[in-house]
Protein backbone atom coordinates (compact mmCIF):
# COMPACT_ATOMS: atom_id res chain seq x y z
CA UNK A 1 -1.04 26.11 115.18
CA UNK A 2 -3.80 23.71 116.17
CA UNK A 3 -6.42 25.97 114.56
CA UNK A 4 -4.45 26.07 111.31
CA UNK A 5 -4.18 22.30 111.29
CA UNK A 6 -7.91 22.01 111.85
CA UNK A 7 -8.66 24.51 109.08
CA UNK A 8 -6.30 22.69 106.71
CA UNK A 9 -7.90 19.34 107.48
CA UNK A 10 -11.41 20.68 107.03
CA UNK A 11 -10.44 22.40 103.79
CA UNK A 12 -8.79 19.27 102.42
CA UNK A 13 -11.74 17.12 103.41
CA UNK A 14 -14.29 19.48 101.86
CA UNK A 15 -12.28 19.72 98.63
CA UNK A 16 -11.97 15.94 98.43
CA UNK A 17 -15.69 15.43 98.96
CA UNK A 18 -16.65 18.08 96.39
CA UNK A 19 -14.04 16.74 93.97
CA UNK A 20 -15.33 13.18 94.27
CA UNK A 21 -18.90 14.36 93.78
CA UNK A 22 -17.80 16.35 90.73
CA UNK A 23 -15.95 13.33 89.29
CA UNK A 24 -19.05 11.19 89.83
CA UNK A 25 -21.25 13.75 88.09
CA UNK A 26 -18.79 13.98 85.19
CA UNK A 27 -18.92 10.21 84.87
CA UNK A 28 -22.71 10.32 84.73
CA UNK A 29 -22.81 12.94 81.96
CA UNK A 30 -19.81 11.64 79.98
CA UNK A 31 -22.06 10.86 77.00
CA UNK A 32 -24.25 13.92 77.31
CA UNK A 33 -23.76 17.36 75.89
CA UNK A 34 -20.41 19.03 76.37
CA UNK A 35 -22.32 21.88 78.03
CA UNK A 36 -23.00 19.80 81.15
CA UNK A 37 -19.47 18.50 81.42
CA UNK A 38 -17.87 21.94 81.11
CA UNK A 39 -20.38 23.45 83.54
CA UNK A 40 -19.61 20.81 86.18
CA UNK A 41 -15.86 21.18 85.66
CA UNK A 42 -16.17 24.95 86.07
CA UNK A 43 -18.35 24.82 89.17
CA UNK A 44 -16.43 22.15 91.12
CA UNK A 45 -13.62 24.47 92.31
CA UNK A 46 -16.11 27.27 93.07
CA UNK A 47 -18.33 24.95 95.11
CA UNK A 48 -15.26 23.54 96.87
CA UNK A 49 -14.21 27.03 97.96
CA UNK A 50 -17.76 27.89 99.04
CA UNK A 51 -18.10 24.66 101.04
CA UNK A 52 -14.71 25.18 102.70
CA UNK A 53 -15.54 28.74 103.74
CA UNK A 54 -19.01 27.75 104.93
CA UNK A 55 -17.69 24.90 107.12
CA UNK A 56 -14.92 26.99 108.64
CA UNK A 57 -17.27 29.89 109.32
CA UNK A 58 -19.78 27.62 111.05
CA UNK A 59 -17.07 26.16 113.28
CA UNK A 60 -15.64 29.54 114.23
CA UNK A 61 -18.74 30.32 116.27
CA UNK A 62 -19.13 33.73 114.71
CA UNK A 63 -22.11 35.89 115.52
CA UNK A 64 -25.28 35.18 113.54
CA UNK A 65 -24.89 38.52 111.77
CA UNK A 66 -21.32 37.82 110.68
CA UNK A 67 -22.24 34.31 109.58
CA UNK A 68 -25.16 35.67 107.55
CA UNK A 69 -22.90 38.19 105.82
CA UNK A 70 -20.41 35.49 104.87
CA UNK A 71 -23.15 33.15 103.65
CA UNK A 72 -24.79 35.89 101.55
CA UNK A 73 -21.41 36.67 100.00
CA UNK A 74 -20.84 32.99 99.27
CA UNK A 75 -24.29 32.53 97.71
CA UNK A 76 -23.87 35.67 95.61
CA UNK A 77 -20.45 34.57 94.41
CA UNK A 78 -21.78 31.10 93.64
CA UNK A 79 -24.67 32.57 91.61
CA UNK A 80 -22.29 34.80 89.66
CA UNK A 81 -20.01 31.82 89.05
CA UNK A 82 -22.92 29.73 87.76
CA UNK A 83 -24.04 32.55 85.44
CA UNK A 84 -20.51 33.12 84.15
CA UNK A 85 -20.01 29.39 83.60
CA UNK A 86 -23.31 29.17 81.73
CA UNK A 87 -22.40 32.10 79.47
CA UNK A 88 -18.96 30.65 78.73
CA UNK A 89 -20.43 27.22 78.02
CA UNK A 90 -23.05 28.72 75.74
CA UNK A 91 -20.34 30.55 73.84
CA UNK A 92 -18.24 27.41 73.47
CA UNK A 93 -21.21 25.28 72.41
CA UNK A 94 -22.25 27.83 69.77
CA UNK A 95 -18.69 27.94 68.48
CA UNK A 96 -18.50 24.14 68.32
CA UNK A 97 -21.80 24.08 66.43
CA UNK A 98 -20.35 26.52 63.91
CA UNK A 99 -17.34 24.24 63.49
CA UNK A 100 -19.72 21.31 62.98
CA UNK A 101 -21.63 23.31 60.38
CA UNK A 102 -18.34 24.00 58.63
CA UNK A 103 -17.56 20.28 58.56
CA UNK A 104 -21.01 19.52 57.18
CA UNK A 105 -20.60 22.15 54.48
CA UNK A 106 -17.16 20.74 53.66
CA UNK A 107 -18.77 17.36 52.95
CA UNK A 108 -21.83 18.69 51.10
CA UNK A 109 -20.41 21.64 49.21
CA UNK A 110 -19.48 20.83 45.59
CA UNK A 111 -19.44 24.37 44.19
CA UNK A 112 -16.56 26.83 44.41
CA UNK A 113 -17.24 29.21 47.29
CA UNK A 114 -18.12 32.72 46.34
CA UNK A 115 -16.47 35.84 47.65
CA UNK A 116 -19.50 36.54 49.86
CA UNK A 117 -19.22 33.11 51.43
CA UNK A 118 -15.52 33.66 52.05
CA UNK A 119 -16.23 36.98 53.74
CA UNK A 120 -18.91 35.28 55.84
CA UNK A 121 -16.39 32.67 57.00
CA UNK A 122 -13.98 35.44 57.96
CA UNK A 123 -16.72 37.23 59.89
CA UNK A 124 -17.63 34.06 61.77
CA UNK A 125 -13.98 33.39 62.56
CA UNK A 126 -13.57 36.85 64.06
CA UNK A 127 -16.45 36.16 66.48
CA UNK A 128 -14.99 32.87 67.75
CA UNK A 129 -12.25 32.10 70.26
CA UNK A 130 -8.79 31.98 68.74
CA UNK A 131 -8.48 28.18 68.67
CA UNK A 132 -11.89 27.59 67.10
CA UNK A 133 -11.42 30.53 64.74
CA UNK A 134 -8.27 28.82 63.46
CA UNK A 135 -10.24 25.61 62.91
CA UNK A 136 -12.99 27.48 61.02
CA UNK A 137 -10.39 29.21 58.85
CA UNK A 138 -8.75 25.86 58.04
CA UNK A 139 -12.14 24.38 57.18
CA UNK A 140 -12.93 27.30 54.87
CA UNK A 141 -9.58 26.86 53.12
CA UNK A 142 -10.13 23.11 52.80
CA UNK A 143 -13.62 23.70 51.40
CA UNK A 144 -12.23 26.13 48.83
CA UNK A 145 -9.48 23.69 47.85
CA UNK A 146 -11.97 20.84 47.56
CA UNK A 147 -14.33 22.94 45.44
CA UNK A 148 -11.49 23.93 43.11
CA UNK A 149 -10.41 20.30 42.85
CA UNK A 150 -13.94 19.24 41.94
CA UNK A 151 -14.13 22.03 39.37
CA UNK A 152 -10.88 20.79 37.81
CA UNK A 153 -12.29 17.25 37.74
CA UNK A 154 -15.42 18.47 35.97
CA UNK A 155 -13.33 20.43 33.48
CA UNK A 156 -11.15 17.39 32.83
CA UNK A 157 -14.23 15.22 32.31
CA UNK A 158 -15.69 17.76 29.90
CA UNK A 159 -12.39 17.91 28.02
CA UNK A 160 -12.34 14.12 27.82
CA UNK A 161 -15.86 14.05 26.39
CA UNK A 162 -14.97 16.69 23.82
CA UNK A 163 -11.82 14.79 22.89
CA UNK A 164 -13.79 11.58 22.33
CA UNK A 165 -16.31 13.52 20.24
CA UNK A 166 -13.58 15.14 18.13
CA UNK A 167 -11.75 11.86 17.63
CA UNK A 168 -14.99 10.15 16.59
CA UNK A 169 -15.58 12.92 14.07
CA UNK A 170 -12.04 12.61 12.73
CA UNK A 171 -12.38 8.84 12.31
CA UNK A 172 -15.83 8.84 10.73
CA UNK A 173 -14.83 10.27 7.34
CA UNK A 174 -11.79 8.06 6.63
CA UNK A 175 -13.72 5.00 7.79
CA UNK A 176 -16.52 5.82 5.37
CA UNK A 177 -13.94 6.23 2.60
CA UNK A 178 -12.31 2.91 3.45
CA UNK A 179 -15.67 1.20 3.37
CA UNK A 180 -16.55 2.68 0.00
CA UNK A 181 -13.18 1.72 -1.50
CA UNK A 182 -13.31 -1.80 -0.09
CA UNK A 183 -16.82 -2.31 -1.46
CA UNK A 184 -15.72 -0.92 -4.80
CA UNK A 185 -12.76 -3.29 -4.93
CA UNK A 186 -14.97 -6.19 -3.90
CA UNK A 187 -17.55 -5.40 -6.61
CA UNK A 188 -14.85 -4.81 -9.23
CA UNK A 189 -16.06 -1.31 -10.14
CA UNK A 190 -12.70 0.36 -9.51
CA UNK A 191 -10.48 0.26 -12.56
CA UNK A 192 -7.27 1.65 -11.07
CA UNK A 193 -6.73 -0.96 -8.38
CA UNK A 194 -3.09 -0.04 -7.53
CA UNK A 195 -4.07 3.57 -6.97
CA UNK A 196 -7.01 2.49 -4.81
CA UNK A 197 -4.75 0.25 -2.74
CA UNK A 198 -2.27 3.09 -2.34
CA UNK A 199 -5.08 5.33 -1.18
CA UNK A 200 -6.22 2.65 1.27
CA UNK A 201 -2.71 2.39 2.66
CA UNK A 202 -2.44 6.15 3.07
CA UNK A 203 -5.81 6.36 4.81
CA UNK A 204 -4.91 3.54 7.18
CA UNK A 205 -1.60 5.28 7.89
CA UNK A 206 -3.40 8.51 8.80
CA UNK A 207 -5.84 6.66 11.04
CA UNK A 208 -2.94 4.89 12.72
CA UNK A 209 -1.31 8.25 13.33
CA UNK A 210 -4.55 9.57 14.79
CA UNK A 211 -4.77 6.64 17.20
CA UNK A 212 -1.09 7.08 18.09
CA UNK A 213 -1.73 10.75 18.83
CA UNK A 214 -4.59 9.78 21.12
CA UNK A 215 -2.41 7.27 22.92
CA UNK A 216 0.41 9.80 23.29
CA UNK A 217 -2.05 12.39 24.57
CA UNK A 218 -3.18 10.02 27.32
CA UNK A 219 0.43 9.64 28.49
CA UNK A 220 1.90 13.07 27.92
CA UNK A 221 2.83 15.23 30.90
CA UNK A 222 4.10 18.70 30.23
CA UNK A 223 4.52 20.40 26.87
CA UNK A 224 2.96 18.72 23.81
CA UNK A 225 5.34 17.17 21.31
CA UNK A 226 5.99 19.06 18.07
CA UNK A 227 5.58 16.96 14.94
CA UNK A 228 8.17 16.99 12.22
CA UNK A 229 7.18 19.19 9.29
CA UNK A 230 8.05 18.54 5.67
CA UNK A 231 6.93 19.46 2.16
CA UNK A 232 3.47 18.07 1.46
CA UNK A 233 1.55 18.06 -1.80
CA UNK A 234 -1.84 19.62 -1.21
CA UNK A 235 -2.97 18.18 -4.55
CA UNK A 236 -2.40 14.65 -3.33
CA UNK A 237 -3.88 15.35 0.08
CA UNK A 238 -7.08 16.92 -1.22
CA UNK A 239 -7.46 14.17 -3.81
CA UNK A 240 -7.29 11.54 -1.08
CA UNK A 241 -9.72 13.50 1.07
CA UNK A 242 -12.18 13.85 -1.80
CA UNK A 243 -11.99 10.11 -2.45
CA UNK A 244 -12.60 9.34 1.21
CA UNK A 245 -15.56 11.70 1.41
CA UNK A 246 -17.18 10.60 -1.84
CA UNK A 247 -19.30 7.88 -0.25
CA UNK A 248 -20.56 10.16 2.52
CA UNK A 249 -21.32 12.92 0.03
CA UNK A 250 -23.20 10.54 -2.27
CA UNK A 251 -25.33 9.35 0.62
CA UNK A 252 -26.42 12.97 1.16
CA UNK A 253 -26.87 13.74 -2.56
CA UNK A 254 -23.85 16.02 -2.55
CA UNK A 255 -21.34 16.09 -5.39
CA UNK A 256 -17.70 16.90 -4.72
CA UNK A 257 -16.01 18.66 -7.64
CA UNK A 258 -12.22 18.70 -7.44
CA UNK A 259 -10.23 21.10 -9.57
CA UNK A 260 -6.47 21.12 -9.06
CA UNK A 261 -3.66 22.15 -11.40
CA UNK A 262 -2.37 19.10 -13.24
CA UNK A 263 1.21 20.40 -13.33
CA UNK A 264 1.44 21.80 -9.78
CA UNK A 265 1.71 19.73 -6.59
CA UNK A 266 0.92 22.80 -4.46
CA UNK A 267 3.70 21.91 -2.03
CA UNK A 268 3.45 23.37 1.46
CA UNK A 269 5.40 22.86 4.67
CA UNK A 270 3.52 20.98 7.35
CA UNK A 271 2.57 17.66 8.95
CA UNK A 272 0.87 15.43 6.33
CA UNK A 273 -1.51 13.70 8.73
CA UNK A 274 -2.59 16.95 10.38
CA UNK A 275 -3.22 18.62 7.02
CA UNK A 276 -5.23 15.64 5.80
CA UNK A 277 -7.23 15.62 9.01
CA UNK A 278 -7.98 19.34 8.81
CA UNK A 279 -9.06 19.15 5.16
CA UNK A 280 -11.14 16.04 5.86
CA UNK A 281 -12.95 17.88 8.65
CA UNK A 282 -13.63 20.85 6.37
CA UNK A 283 -15.03 18.66 3.61
CA UNK A 284 -17.03 16.56 6.08
CA UNK A 285 -18.60 19.65 7.67
CA UNK A 286 -19.37 21.07 4.23
CA UNK A 287 -21.10 17.84 3.22
CA UNK A 288 -23.07 17.60 6.45
CA UNK A 289 -24.13 21.25 6.60
């Protein structure tokens, strides 16, 4: 019983000493590489066991041969433990570096990941421990989601630019017509003033509708609204469009000849503003090109 008490006391003392030394070493390397901290944490229990066995063997007064055998076994086990700890730490450090590379790529990557990159991420994940493999998989998914989000943002920006370009094109022709009519009224060269004023009012109404459509488009969420359709006189629409485009055509030495049946309104079913806008674009493109 006394021997067991002695062995227990020696074992406890050796473990406490080794544990305190290990804690002190961990404190010293707390800001160093994780490799050192994990290596120390792995070796502390192994060294504690080796120190306990060594002390107890020395106090048992064994023969030199038996003591040498025990010491060789302890040194061999300690060397194997150090090698195993180093291999495990190297594996963990490499895995953590791969996770860090994934984080860096998540920040830097702005292009949608290709299928080859996705397969590479899967291959890397299969080579990692389960916990880190899960982190790498989550990072790959986040990178893909971020790339798709950035692609949608670029597409939305491109659509916005195209919309501004189209709206500018749609406004250019009626504005030129309004300017020509206003200058004609100011100079007194237009004989049919009521008709010119009516045309001005119609043009302003179409431009107002165009601006309203743009405002509604900026607020709409879901399906686009369907405009009310009614009978529209193509004769009146094309006459207004020709009047609006006359100034632009004259500036380019282009003559617009309009031939419509005098006794036929050419009524069609549609949205007046949209029809006028489409015909104005056709005439404007014809004049420009």
